[in-house]
């Protein structure tokens, strides 16, 4: 299987037939084997019935995954990736705002030697205050914190080589950070402009509350990328800083005491002692986290590295 299109769905009954028609116009001419994996995320409309009709229409290329309830877009994308057979995974929204006609262009860009091509909705057809402005701010923040600079993390239309999606699991609202995880294993990433259309049917399922979830998820992503394999650097480093600050305060109070100034009534004494205790506890927490990290990697035989390719001379026996 060459191409797997993964499409999460939630209440998109009117869009699905038009989406499938658009895909049929674009993908078969590429001359590659392909499949579409529709993942219904607990839709409350007739999306499941429409998907069943599409499956009967083309069972060779369509697979449908039906969730028992709404688990969220990240879970739907993760399920689609888990069930995909293709060497190249294409993520696409079902609301017709992403244009399937952009897929050949993204694939051509991928063939230039990239592992991930991310869509950029430069001319986005959404409301400015509730969708575009929060998205611009979120994209800037993610780029600054992670070091992976993309203009549009929220654009679902992306093309991946399968190997850069292996080795990590998606939870919560983490799907927008897939490029960051892929970059952490050495993926070559680029982006290109794609078309974006106004929503024709239905309504958007996300609002401003998504921005607050993103901020919390960003803490998790930063920790996983920078400290998951060496948590002592975070906890131990924080502990050393607090102990150093405590030592400086206590030394200052000792000098004052030698000069005859009373120190037991000073709040700096309590602060210095508190800093020392918290710092010591932070170092102990870092050591415990180190044991957990080693258990996590070793129990699953999970390597701390990723290999892109191996060049070696074959033996004479081969």
Protein backbone atom coordinates (compact mmCIF):
# COMPACT_ATOMS: atom_id res chain seq x y z
CA UNK A 1 0.00 0.00 0.00
CA UNK A 2 1.42 3.38 -1.03
CA UNK A 3 -1.03 5.95 0.33
CA UNK A 4 -3.32 5.94 3.36
CA UNK A 5 -5.70 8.87 3.80
CA UNK A 6 -6.76 9.20 7.43
CA UNK A 7 -9.88 11.32 7.92
CA UNK A 8 -11.38 11.96 11.38
CA UNK A 9 -15.12 12.66 11.33
CA UNK A 10 -17.58 14.23 13.72
CA UNK A 11 -21.03 15.22 12.43
CA UNK A 12 -20.11 15.66 8.76
CA UNK A 13 -22.93 13.81 7.00
CA UNK A 14 -23.43 16.41 4.26
CA UNK A 15 -19.73 16.83 3.53
CA UNK A 16 -18.77 13.17 3.22
CA UNK A 17 -20.15 12.37 -0.27
CA UNK A 18 -18.61 15.53 -1.71
CA UNK A 19 -15.30 14.78 -0.01
CA UNK A 20 -15.18 11.26 -1.41
CA UNK A 21 -15.94 12.56 -4.91
CA UNK A 22 -13.11 15.08 -4.61
CA UNK A 23 -10.69 12.36 -3.47
CA UNK A 24 -11.72 10.09 -6.35
CA UNK A 25 -10.88 12.85 -8.81
CA UNK A 26 -7.41 13.34 -7.33
CA UNK A 27 -5.94 10.09 -6.00
CA UNK A 28 -6.51 7.41 -8.71
CA UNK A 29 -4.65 9.41 -11.42
CA UNK A 30 -1.53 9.27 -9.26
CA UNK A 31 -1.13 5.61 -10.18
CA UNK A 32 -0.48 4.48 -6.62
CA UNK A 33 -2.27 1.95 -4.44
CA UNK A 34 -4.39 3.79 -1.91
CA UNK A 35 -6.94 3.54 0.86
CA UNK A 36 -9.16 5.87 2.84
CA UNK A 37 -9.64 5.31 6.54
CA UNK A 38 -12.68 7.16 7.83
CA UNK A 39 -12.74 7.35 11.63
CA UNK A 40 -16.12 8.33 13.02
CA UNK A 41 -15.60 9.97 16.41
CA UNK A 42 -19.03 9.25 17.87
CA UNK A 43 -21.05 11.38 15.44
CA UNK A 44 -24.60 12.23 16.47
CA UNK A 45 -25.94 12.81 12.97
CA UNK A 46 -26.17 10.35 10.04
CA UNK A 47 -22.43 10.29 9.33
CA UNK A 48 -22.16 6.59 10.14
CA UNK A 49 -24.95 5.71 7.69
CA UNK A 50 -23.28 7.79 4.99
CA UNK A 51 -19.94 6.08 5.66
CA UNK A 52 -21.55 2.66 5.42
CA UNK A 53 -23.01 3.67 2.05
CA UNK A 54 -19.60 4.84 0.83
CA UNK A 55 -18.06 1.57 1.98
CA UNK A 56 -20.60 -0.44 -0.01
CA UNK A 57 -19.83 1.76 -2.99
CA UNK A 58 -16.05 1.15 -2.87
CA UNK A 59 -15.04 -1.53 -0.34
CA UNK A 60 -11.69 -1.95 -2.06
CA UNK A 61 -10.44 1.49 -1.04
CA UNK A 62 -12.55 2.43 1.98
CA UNK A 63 -12.33 1.32 5.57
CA UNK A 64 -14.51 2.71 8.31
CA UNK A 65 -13.72 2.80 12.04
CA UNK A 66 -16.64 3.64 14.31
CA UNK A 67 -15.96 4.80 17.87
CA UNK A 68 -18.45 3.89 20.58
CA UNK A 69 -18.52 7.54 21.71
CA UNK A 70 -16.76 10.82 21.12
CA UNK A 71 -13.09 10.42 22.14
CA UNK A 72 -11.71 13.53 20.40
CA UNK A 73 -9.83 14.34 17.22
CA UNK A 74 -6.49 13.14 18.54
CA UNK A 75 -7.88 9.68 19.34
CA UNK A 76 -9.51 9.51 15.90
CA UNK A 77 -6.24 10.38 14.17
CA UNK A 78 -4.33 7.88 16.31
CA UNK A 79 -6.83 5.12 15.45
CA UNK A 80 -6.55 5.95 11.76
CA UNK A 81 -2.76 5.79 11.84
CA UNK A 82 -2.85 2.49 13.76
CA UNK A 83 -5.11 0.93 11.11
CA UNK A 84 -3.32 2.42 8.09
CA UNK A 85 -1.32 0.17 5.77
CA UNK A 86 0.31 2.81 3.59
CA UNK A 87 3.94 3.83 3.51
CA UNK A 88 2.74 7.43 3.31
CA UNK A 89 0.06 8.75 5.69
CA UNK A 90 -2.08 11.70 4.61
CA UNK A 91 -4.17 13.47 7.24
CA UNK A 92 -7.21 15.37 6.01
CA UNK A 93 -10.22 17.08 7.58
CA UNK A 94 -13.71 16.02 6.54
CA UNK A 95 -15.28 19.49 6.51
CA UNK A 96 -14.19 20.31 2.91
CA UNK A 97 -12.12 23.25 4.10
CA UNK A 98 -8.99 21.29 3.19
CA UNK A 99 -8.77 20.73 -0.57
CA UNK A 100 -7.87 17.17 -1.71
CA UNK A 101 -6.52 18.75 -4.91
CA UNK A 102 -3.50 19.87 -2.86
CA UNK A 103 -2.50 16.29 -2.06
CA UNK A 104 -0.49 15.66 -5.30
CA UNK A 105 1.47 18.86 -4.65
CA UNK A 106 2.28 17.78 -1.10
CA UNK A 107 3.35 14.34 -2.33
CA UNK A 108 5.60 15.91 -4.95
CA UNK A 109 7.21 18.00 -2.22
CA UNK A 110 7.65 14.88 -0.10
CA UNK A 111 9.53 13.24 -2.96
CA UNK A 112 12.14 15.98 -2.80
CA UNK A 113 13.58 14.21 0.25
CA UNK A 114 11.33 15.31 3.09
CA UNK A 115 9.69 13.10 5.70
CA UNK A 116 6.83 15.47 6.52
CA UNK A 117 5.12 18.17 4.49
CA UNK A 118 2.78 20.40 6.48
CA UNK A 119 -0.01 22.44 4.92
CA UNK A 120 -0.11 26.19 5.52
CA UNK A 121 -3.52 27.86 5.24
CA UNK A 122 -2.10 31.26 4.41
CA UNK A 123 -5.44 32.60 3.13
CA UNK A 124 -7.60 31.12 5.82
CA UNK A 125 -11.38 31.40 5.49
CA UNK A 126 -12.38 31.57 9.16
CA UNK A 127 -13.49 34.22 11.63
CA UNK A 128 -10.57 36.38 12.73
CA UNK A 129 -11.22 36.85 16.44
CA UNK A 130 -12.24 33.31 17.44
CA UNK A 131 -10.18 31.23 14.99
CA UNK A 132 -7.40 33.05 13.12
CA UNK A 133 -5.98 35.27 15.88
CA UNK A 134 -5.75 32.51 18.54
CA UNK A 135 -4.21 30.23 15.89
CA UNK A 136 -1.52 32.79 14.97
CA UNK A 137 -0.61 33.27 18.62
CA UNK A 138 -0.57 29.51 19.27
CA UNK A 139 1.61 28.80 16.22
CA UNK A 140 4.13 31.43 17.32
CA UNK A 141 4.22 30.08 20.88
CA UNK A 142 4.65 26.45 19.78
CA UNK A 143 7.41 27.40 17.36
CA UNK A 144 9.29 29.34 20.04
CA UNK A 145 8.99 26.66 22.73
CA UNK A 146 9.72 23.61 20.56
CA UNK A 147 12.12 25.10 18.02
CA UNK A 148 10.08 23.62 15.15
CA UNK A 149 8.97 26.68 13.19
CA UNK A 150 5.74 26.19 11.27
CA UNK A 151 3.16 28.78 10.32
CA UNK A 152 0.14 26.52 10.77
CA UNK A 153 0.23 23.70 13.29
CA UNK A 154 -3.57 23.58 13.24
CA UNK A 155 -3.84 22.62 9.58
CA UNK A 156 -4.80 18.95 9.52
CA UNK A 157 -3.69 18.49 5.90
CA UNK A 158 -0.23 17.01 6.27
CA UNK A 159 1.72 14.21 4.56
CA UNK A 160 4.00 11.89 6.53
CA UNK A 161 6.30 9.01 5.86
CA UNK A 162 5.16 6.20 8.12
CA UNK A 163 8.50 5.72 9.86
CA UNK A 164 8.43 9.20 11.46
CA UNK A 165 5.06 8.41 13.09
CA UNK A 166 6.36 5.35 14.92
CA UNK A 167 7.67 5.32 18.45
CA UNK A 168 5.23 7.67 20.17
CA UNK A 169 1.57 7.65 21.16
CA UNK A 170 -0.96 10.45 20.94
CA UNK A 171 -3.07 11.49 23.93
CA UNK A 172 -5.37 14.36 24.85
CA UNK A 173 -5.13 17.05 22.15
CA UNK A 174 -1.62 16.14 21.03
CA UNK A 175 -2.32 15.65 17.30
CA UNK A 176 -1.26 19.22 16.50
CA UNK A 177 2.19 18.42 17.92
CA UNK A 178 2.87 15.49 15.59
CA UNK A 179 5.44 17.56 13.61
CA UNK A 180 7.26 18.28 16.87
CA UNK A 181 7.44 14.59 17.80
CA UNK A 182 8.51 13.74 14.24
CA UNK A 183 11.25 16.38 14.42
CA UNK A 184 12.49 14.83 17.66
CA UNK A 185 13.31 11.60 15.79
CA UNK A 186 15.10 13.44 12.99
CA UNK A 187 12.34 13.96 10.43
CA UNK A 188 13.02 16.41 7.62
CA UNK A 189 10.13 18.86 7.72
CA UNK A 190 8.90 21.54 5.37
CA UNK A 191 5.62 23.30 4.71
CA UNK A 192 3.80 24.65 1.69
CA UNK A 193 0.75 26.76 1.11
CA UNK A 194 -2.54 24.95 0.58
CA UNK A 195 -6.03 26.10 -0.29
CA UNK A 196 -8.58 26.72 2.42
CA UNK A 197 -12.31 26.98 1.73
CA UNK A 198 -15.19 28.30 3.83
CA UNK A 199 -17.21 25.62 5.57
CA UNK A 200 -20.23 24.76 3.43
CA UNK A 201 -22.17 22.48 5.75
CA UNK A 202 -22.32 21.97 9.50
CA UNK A 203 -20.45 24.02 12.06
CA UNK A 204 -17.01 24.07 13.62
CA UNK A 205 -16.65 21.77 16.62
CA UNK A 206 -13.93 23.76 18.38
CA UNK A 207 -13.69 27.22 19.89
CA UNK A 208 -11.47 29.35 22.10
CA UNK A 209 -11.35 26.68 24.81
CA UNK A 210 -8.98 24.76 22.58
CA UNK A 211 -6.34 27.47 23.08
CA UNK A 212 -6.22 26.84 26.83
CA UNK A 213 -5.87 23.10 26.28
CA UNK A 214 -3.00 23.82 23.92
CA UNK A 215 -1.10 25.74 26.59
CA UNK A 216 -1.35 22.81 28.99
CA UNK A 217 -0.38 20.30 26.32
CA UNK A 218 2.63 22.44 25.44
CA UNK A 219 4.04 21.91 28.95
CA UNK A 220 3.74 18.16 28.43
CA UNK A 221 5.33 18.26 24.99
CA UNK A 222 8.27 20.35 26.18
CA UNK A 223 8.90 17.97 29.06
CA UNK A 224 8.68 14.88 26.83
CA UNK A 225 11.04 16.33 24.25
CA UNK A 226 13.64 17.83 26.56
CA UNK A 227 13.57 15.82 29.76
CA UNK A 228 11.76 12.49 29.25
CA UNK A 229 15.02 10.55 28.95
CA UNK A 230 16.92 12.65 31.55
CA UNK A 231 14.39 14.09 34.03
CA UNK A 232 17.15 14.71 36.57
CA UNK A 233 18.21 17.69 34.45
CA UNK A 234 14.89 19.39 35.16
CA UNK A 235 14.23 18.37 38.76
CA UNK A 236 17.85 18.21 39.83
CA UNK A 237 18.68 21.49 38.13
CA UNK A 238 15.78 23.20 39.87
CA UNK A 239 16.87 21.67 43.16
CA UNK A 240 20.45 22.89 42.80
CA UNK A 241 19.25 26.42 42.02
CA UNK A 242 17.07 26.44 45.15
CA UNK A 243 19.86 25.04 47.33
CA UNK A 244 22.27 27.65 45.97
CA UNK A 245 19.74 30.41 46.71
CA UNK A 246 19.21 28.95 50.19
CA UNK A 247 22.94 28.86 50.84
CA UNK A 248 23.32 32.48 49.72
CA UNK A 249 20.51 33.61 52.03
CA UNK A 250 21.84 31.66 55.01
CA UNK A 251 25.37 32.99 54.42
CA UNK A 252 24.00 36.52 54.29
CA UNK A 253 22.16 35.94 57.58
CA UNK A 254 25.29 34.45 59.17
CA UNK A 255 27.30 37.54 58.24
CA UNK A 256 24.57 39.77 59.69
CA UNK A 257 24.58 37.70 62.88
CA UNK A 258 28.33 38.10 63.30
CA UNK A 259 27.80 41.86 63.06
CA UNK A 260 25.34 41.71 65.95
CA UNK A 261 22.14 41.98 63.91
CA UNK A 262 19.38 39.58 65.08
CA UNK A 263 18.30 37.13 62.36
CA UNK A 264 15.74 34.80 63.96
CA UNK A 265 12.98 37.36 63.51
CA UNK A 266 13.86 37.87 59.82
CA UNK A 267 11.61 36.16 57.22
CA UNK A 268 14.75 35.46 55.18
CA UNK A 269 15.62 32.67 57.60
CA UNK A 270 12.37 30.82 56.95
CA UNK A 271 12.72 31.43 53.21
CA UNK A 272 16.28 30.10 53.17
CA UNK A 273 15.35 26.95 55.09
CA UNK A 274 12.29 26.41 52.87
CA UNK A 275 14.38 26.78 49.70
CA UNK A 276 16.86 24.20 50.99
CA UNK A 277 14.15 21.66 51.86
CA UNK A 278 12.33 22.10 48.54
CA UNK A 279 15.60 21.93 46.63
CA UNK A 280 16.61 18.71 48.34
CA UNK A 281 13.18 17.20 47.68
CA UNK A 282 13.40 18.26 44.03
CA UNK A 283 16.69 16.40 43.61
CA UNK A 284 15.16 13.29 45.19
CA UNK A 285 12.17 13.61 42.84
CA UNK A 286 14.58 13.80 39.91
CA UNK A 287 16.29 10.57 41.00
CA UNK A 288 12.91 8.83 41.26
CA UNK A 289 11.99 10.15 37.80
CA UNK A 290 15.29 8.80 36.47
CA UNK A 291 14.39 5.32 37.73
CA UNK A 292 10.95 5.59 36.13
CA UNK A 293 12.44 6.73 32.83
CA UNK A 294 14.90 3.83 32.77
CA UNK A 295 12.13 1.39 33.65
CA UNK A 296 9.97 2.84 30.86
CA UNK A 297 12.65 2.41 28.20
CA UNK A 298 14.10 -0.90 29.36
CA UNK A 299 10.82 -2.69 30.11
CA UNK A 300 9.63 -2.02 26.57
CA UNK A 301 13.08 -2.46 25.06
CA UNK A 302 12.54 1.06 23.77
CA UNK A 303 15.76 2.56 22.36
CA UNK A 304 16.73 6.13 23.13
CA UNK A 305 17.79 6.70 19.51
CA UNK A 306 16.36 6.36 15.99
CA UNK A 307 18.31 5.09 12.95
CA UNK A 308 17.62 6.57 9.51
CA UNK A 309 19.74 4.11 7.51
CA UNK A 310 22.65 1.68 7.89
CA UNK A 311 25.43 1.36 5.32
CA UNK A 312 27.63 -1.69 5.72
CA UNK A 313 29.56 -4.13 3.58
CA UNK A 314 27.95 -7.53 3.29
CA UNK A 315 29.98 -10.58 4.26
CA UNK A 316 31.25 -13.01 1.66
CA UNK A 317 28.72 -15.59 2.84
CA UNK A 318 25.92 -13.27 1.75
